Amino acid sequence: MTALSNKSRDVRAFRECLGQYSTGVTVIAAVVDGKSFGVTANSFSSLSLEPPMVLWSIARTSRSFEAFQRSEAFAVNILADSQVEISRRFSSKEENKFATVDWRPGENGSPLIAGSAAEFECTTTARHDGGDHVIIVGRVTRFASHRRNVLIFSQGRYRVGIDHPESISDKPIPAIRSVEKS
C-alpha cells in the first residue's frame, strides 16, 4: 500500500492505482454559443434509473471547462473499439476537434459521433465541486445503443473486451429510446 507523502509521486501512484479499474471511453460533447465542444472522458457513470440520470467530471484545467460550465445540455458518445483516433483527437489540444469527425446534432443540439457504440442526450441538472474537477449531472432525454464493441481503457492503455468463458447472456440490448419527460 502506498502512503501519501510526496505529492507528485502520490498523484502518479494514485493515478496508476485507479488505472486498475477498467472503464469505457466516451466523448462528451455540447454546443455553446453556436460552437461545438468535446472532451474525451472515462469518468462517465450511471447515476439513477428513475429518473434516468448520468454523471461525468471535467478537470478545472480543461480548455473546454468554461463551455461545459455554461452548457444546458450535453451528449455522451460511448466510443466503439474502432474509435481510438477519435478518443485521441478529443483528448488533444486541437482547436477544432470536430473538423474531421463525422457527427450530427442530436435532438438537444449536442454532437452525436457517427460509429459510436452508444449515445446519451442529456439536460444538465446539477454541477458539484469535485476537487480539481467538477461533477456534471445530466438527466437523460434520449439514448441509443448501436450494438458495437466498446473501447476500453485500462492500466494506461486502450483495450478491447472479449467475453469471459463463464459469461452467458441472452438479454437483447435496447436500440433507440426516448425518455418520457415528467
Protein backbone atom coordinates (compact mmCIF):
# COMPACT_ATOMS: atom_id res chain seq x y z
CA MET A 1 0.00 0.00 0.00
CA THR A 2 1.29 3.47 -0.89
CA ALA A 3 1.29 6.01 1.94
CA LEU A 4 0.59 9.61 0.97
CA SER A 5 3.71 11.74 1.40
CA ASN A 6 5.37 13.21 -1.72
CA LYS A 7 2.63 15.00 -3.67
CA SER A 8 3.85 14.41 -7.25
CA ARG A 9 4.78 10.79 -6.52
CA ASP A 10 1.45 10.28 -4.75
CA VAL A 11 -0.55 11.66 -7.70
CA ARG A 12 1.23 9.31 -10.13
CA ALA A 13 0.80 6.34 -7.79
CA PHE A 14 -2.87 7.21 -7.17
CA ARG A 15 -3.50 7.52 -10.93
CA GLU A 16 -1.75 4.18 -11.54
CA CYS A 17 -3.87 2.54 -8.86
CA LEU A 18 -7.05 3.98 -10.39
CA GLY A 19 -5.91 2.54 -13.73
CA GLN A 20 -6.55 -0.93 -12.36
CA TYR A 21 -10.26 -0.18 -12.78
CA SER A 22 -11.16 -0.57 -16.46
CA THR A 23 -13.56 1.96 -17.95
CA GLY A 24 -15.24 2.68 -21.20
CA VAL A 25 -14.11 5.67 -23.24
CA THR A 26 -16.51 8.50 -24.04
CA VAL A 27 -16.54 11.80 -25.84
CA ILE A 28 -18.75 14.26 -24.01
CA ALA A 29 -19.99 16.97 -26.38
CA ALA A 30 -22.04 20.16 -26.19
CA VAL A 31 -22.80 23.28 -28.18
CA VAL A 32 -22.40 26.67 -26.53
CA ASP A 33 -22.95 29.94 -28.39
CA GLY A 34 -23.10 28.03 -31.68
CA LYS A 35 -19.68 26.37 -31.18
CA SER A 36 -19.19 22.63 -30.62
CA PHE A 37 -17.05 21.44 -27.72
CA GLY A 38 -15.95 17.93 -26.87
CA VAL A 39 -13.65 16.12 -24.46
CA THR A 40 -12.56 12.52 -24.01
CA ALA A 41 -13.66 11.29 -20.59
CA ASN A 42 -13.67 7.98 -18.78
CA SER A 43 -15.27 9.48 -15.67
CA PHE A 44 -18.76 8.74 -17.04
CA SER A 45 -21.17 6.75 -14.86
CA SER A 46 -24.82 5.91 -14.46
CA LEU A 47 -26.44 7.65 -11.52
CA SER A 48 -30.15 6.82 -11.47
CA LEU A 49 -32.64 4.66 -13.36
CA GLU A 50 -35.72 6.58 -12.15
CA PRO A 51 -35.37 9.25 -13.34
CA PRO A 52 -32.69 8.25 -15.84
CA MET A 53 -29.56 10.22 -14.91
CA VAL A 54 -25.83 10.03 -15.59
CA LEU A 55 -22.77 11.89 -14.36
CA TRP A 56 -19.27 12.69 -15.51
CA SER A 57 -16.50 15.01 -14.41
CA ILE A 58 -14.34 17.60 -16.14
CA ALA A 59 -11.00 18.95 -14.97
CA ARG A 60 -11.00 22.59 -13.98
CA THR A 61 -7.88 22.95 -16.16
CA SER A 62 -9.62 21.66 -19.30
CA ARG A 63 -9.73 24.11 -22.21
CA SER A 64 -13.44 23.24 -22.53
CA PHE A 65 -14.20 23.73 -18.83
CA GLU A 66 -15.98 27.10 -19.21
CA ALA A 67 -18.12 25.80 -22.08
CA PHE A 68 -19.35 22.85 -20.03
CA GLN A 69 -19.95 25.16 -17.06
CA ARG A 70 -22.35 27.11 -19.28
CA SER A 71 -23.93 24.28 -21.28
CA GLU A 72 -27.53 23.41 -20.56
CA ALA A 73 -27.31 20.09 -22.42
CA PHE A 74 -24.68 17.58 -23.46
CA ALA A 75 -24.28 14.25 -25.24
CA VAL A 76 -22.27 11.26 -24.12
CA ASN A 77 -20.81 9.28 -27.02
CA ILE A 78 -19.57 5.87 -25.88
CA LEU A 79 -16.80 5.06 -28.30
CA ALA A 80 -16.59 1.83 -30.27
CA ASP A 81 -13.38 -0.20 -30.32
CA SER A 82 -12.57 1.23 -33.78
CA GLN A 83 -12.53 4.84 -32.50
CA VAL A 84 -9.14 5.14 -30.77
CA GLU A 85 -8.17 8.06 -33.05
CA ILE A 86 -11.35 9.93 -32.08
CA SER A 87 -10.52 9.43 -28.41
CA ARG A 88 -7.03 10.79 -29.02
CA ARG A 89 -8.34 13.74 -31.02
CA PHE A 90 -10.72 14.84 -28.26
CA SER A 91 -8.04 14.49 -25.59
CA SER A 92 -5.64 16.66 -27.61
CA LYS A 93 -5.16 20.42 -27.64
CA GLU A 94 -6.55 20.54 -31.20
CA GLU A 95 -8.62 23.70 -31.70
CA ASN A 96 -11.40 22.35 -33.95
CA LYS A 97 -11.80 18.79 -32.76
CA PHE A 98 -14.92 18.22 -34.87
CA ALA A 99 -13.27 19.25 -38.19
CA THR A 100 -12.55 15.70 -39.39
CA VAL A 101 -15.11 13.79 -37.31
CA ASP A 102 -18.39 12.58 -38.79
CA TRP A 103 -21.16 13.78 -36.47
CA ARG A 104 -24.71 15.12 -36.43
CA PRO A 105 -26.59 17.30 -33.96
CA GLY A 106 -28.81 15.39 -31.56
CA GLU A 107 -32.29 16.44 -30.50
CA ASN A 108 -30.76 18.77 -27.89
CA GLY A 109 -28.23 20.11 -30.43
CA SER A 110 -25.24 18.33 -28.89
CA PRO A 111 -22.91 16.46 -31.27
CA LEU A 112 -23.50 12.74 -31.75
CA ILE A 113 -20.47 10.99 -33.22
CA ALA A 114 -21.08 8.53 -36.06
CA GLY A 115 -19.95 4.98 -35.38
CA SER A 116 -20.21 5.20 -31.60
CA ALA A 117 -21.33 2.16 -29.63
CA ALA A 118 -23.99 4.13 -27.74
CA GLU A 119 -25.10 7.68 -27.07
CA PHE A 120 -27.00 9.57 -24.40
CA GLU A 121 -28.54 13.00 -24.80
CA CYS A 122 -28.87 14.85 -21.51
CA THR A 123 -30.11 18.02 -19.92
CA THR A 124 -27.68 19.39 -17.35
CA THR A 125 -29.36 19.30 -13.94
CA ALA A 126 -26.52 19.93 -11.46
CA ARG A 127 -22.84 20.68 -11.04
CA HIS A 128 -20.92 19.73 -7.91
CA ASP A 129 -17.45 20.53 -6.62
CA GLY A 130 -15.14 17.57 -7.03
CA GLY A 131 -11.72 18.87 -6.01
CA ASP A 132 -9.74 19.56 -9.17
CA HIS A 133 -12.80 18.52 -11.22
CA VAL A 134 -16.45 19.50 -11.41
CA ILE A 135 -19.04 16.71 -11.45
CA ILE A 136 -21.77 17.32 -14.02
CA VAL A 137 -25.10 15.54 -13.62
CA GLY A 138 -27.50 15.14 -16.51
CA ARG A 139 -30.99 13.82 -16.96
CA VAL A 140 -31.16 11.51 -19.96
CA THR A 141 -33.75 12.59 -22.52
CA ARG A 142 -32.80 10.12 -25.28
CA PHE A 143 -30.44 7.18 -25.64
CA ALA A 144 -29.42 4.72 -28.32
CA SER A 145 -27.32 1.56 -28.40
CA HIS A 146 -25.75 0.61 -31.72
CA ARG A 147 -24.52 -2.87 -30.70
CA ARG A 148 -20.86 -2.25 -31.45
CA ASN A 149 -17.94 -3.46 -29.38
CA VAL A 150 -16.81 -0.75 -26.95
CA LEU A 151 -13.41 0.82 -26.49
CA ILE A 152 -11.93 0.15 -23.06
CA PHE A 153 -9.20 1.99 -21.16
CA SER A 154 -7.29 0.06 -18.53
CA GLN A 155 -3.83 0.25 -16.97
CA GLY A 156 -2.93 3.27 -19.11
CA ARG A 157 -3.77 1.62 -22.44
CA TYR A 158 -6.65 1.18 -24.86
CA ARG A 159 -8.10 -2.31 -24.81
CA VAL A 160 -10.90 -4.34 -26.33
CA GLY A 161 -13.21 -6.64 -24.45
CA ILE A 162 -13.88 -10.29 -25.08
CA ASP A 163 -16.47 -12.47 -23.43
CA HIS A 164 -15.29 -14.27 -20.34
CA PRO A 165 -15.73 -18.04 -20.74
CA GLU A 166 -18.11 -18.10 -17.78
CA SER A 167 -20.43 -15.36 -19.10
CA ILE A 168 -23.78 -16.22 -20.59
CA SER A 169 -26.21 -13.58 -21.80
CA ASP A 170 -29.37 -13.96 -23.83
CA LYS A 171 -30.61 -10.46 -22.99
CA PRO A 172 -31.20 -8.25 -26.02
CA ILE A 173 -29.81 -4.72 -25.92
CA PRO A 174 -32.44 -2.00 -26.49
CA ALA A 175 -31.86 0.07 -29.61
CA ILE A 176 -33.18 3.65 -29.51
CA ARG A 177 -35.36 5.08 -26.78
CA SER A 178 -36.64 8.49 -25.89
CA VAL A 179 -37.26 9.04 -22.22
CA GLU A 180 -40.65 10.41 -21.24
CA LYS A 181 -40.41 13.80 -19.65
CA SER A 182 -42.25 14.25 -16.40
